Protein backbone atom coordinates (compact mmCIF):
# COMPACT_ATOMS: atom_id res chain seq x y z
CA THR A 1 -12.28 1.50 -13.47
CA ILE A 2 -8.65 1.27 -14.46
CA THR A 3 -7.51 -1.26 -17.06
CA LEU A 4 -3.90 -2.40 -16.97
CA ASN A 5 -1.99 -4.74 -19.23
CA ARG A 6 0.76 -7.11 -18.09
CA GLY A 7 3.70 -5.21 -16.61
CA GLN A 8 1.84 -1.92 -16.24
CA THR A 9 1.48 -0.11 -12.92
CA HIS A 10 -0.90 2.43 -11.45
CA TYR A 11 0.14 4.85 -8.70
CA VAL A 12 -2.38 6.20 -6.19
CA SER A 13 -1.33 8.89 -3.73
CA SER A 14 -3.13 10.46 -0.81
CA GLY A 15 -2.09 13.82 -2.20
CA ILE A 16 -1.06 17.02 -0.47
CA ASN A 17 -3.52 16.65 2.42
CA TYR A 18 -2.16 13.21 3.42
CA ALA A 19 -5.59 11.61 3.35
CA ASP A 20 -5.88 8.11 4.80
CA LEU A 21 -6.33 5.47 2.08
CA SER A 22 -7.05 2.70 4.63
CA GLY A 23 -10.11 0.71 3.64
CA THR A 24 -9.73 1.44 -0.07
CA ARG A 25 -11.21 -1.51 -1.95
CA ILE A 26 -9.23 -2.98 -4.84
CA THR A 27 -10.68 -5.71 -7.04
CA SER A 28 -9.16 -7.48 -10.01
CA SER A 29 -10.08 -10.19 -12.48
CA ALA A 30 -6.40 -11.27 -12.65
CA PRO A 31 -3.58 -11.64 -10.11
CA ILE A 32 -2.11 -8.32 -8.96
CA ALA A 33 0.20 -7.04 -6.24
CA VAL A 34 -0.63 -4.07 -4.01
CA TYR A 35 2.01 -2.12 -2.13
CA GLY A 36 1.64 0.55 0.52
CA GLY A 37 4.22 2.79 2.10
CA ASN A 38 5.58 6.15 3.03
CA SER A 39 8.34 8.07 1.29
CA GLY A 40 9.75 9.63 4.45
CA THR A 41 9.26 8.03 7.87
CA TYR A 42 11.48 8.75 10.85
CA ILE A 43 12.57 5.40 12.31
CA PRO A 44 13.23 5.60 15.19
CA GLU A 45 10.98 8.56 15.89
CA GLY A 46 12.98 11.72 16.38
CA SER A 47 15.93 10.56 14.31
CA GLY A 48 17.47 13.06 11.94
CA PHE A 49 16.96 10.98 8.81
CA ALA A 50 13.80 9.82 7.02
CA ASP A 51 13.58 6.29 5.62
CA MET A 52 11.25 4.97 2.95
CA VAL A 53 8.89 2.24 4.20
CA LEU A 54 7.25 -0.08 1.66
CA GLU A 55 5.36 -3.35 2.05
CA GLN A 56 3.27 -5.67 -0.08
CA ILE A 57 -0.29 -5.89 1.26
CA PRO A 58 -1.83 -9.39 1.32
CA PRO A 59 -5.42 -9.82 0.08
CA VAL A 60 -8.17 -10.00 2.70
CA SER A 61 -8.96 -13.53 1.51
CA SER A 62 -5.55 -14.69 2.80
CA TRP A 63 -6.05 -13.29 6.30
CA GLY A 64 -6.34 -15.82 9.09
CA GLN A 65 -9.17 -16.36 11.55
CA GLN A 66 -7.09 -17.00 14.67
CA PHE A 67 -4.39 -14.75 16.10
CA ILE A 68 -1.99 -14.81 19.03
């Protein structure tokens, strides 16, 4: 359990072994934002420069039921 006050952040990293954090469950009694990303991704693949990729992850409760 991690307790945060307004404006505080908590950083979780997969560590040296680049473990997959997919499926990690996050619960909160107050509104929070969760971001996922990578500090060095080659876009397009094979390019000579790494770009940071970051996105806000929506809660499962906001996922739809129908997809195209």
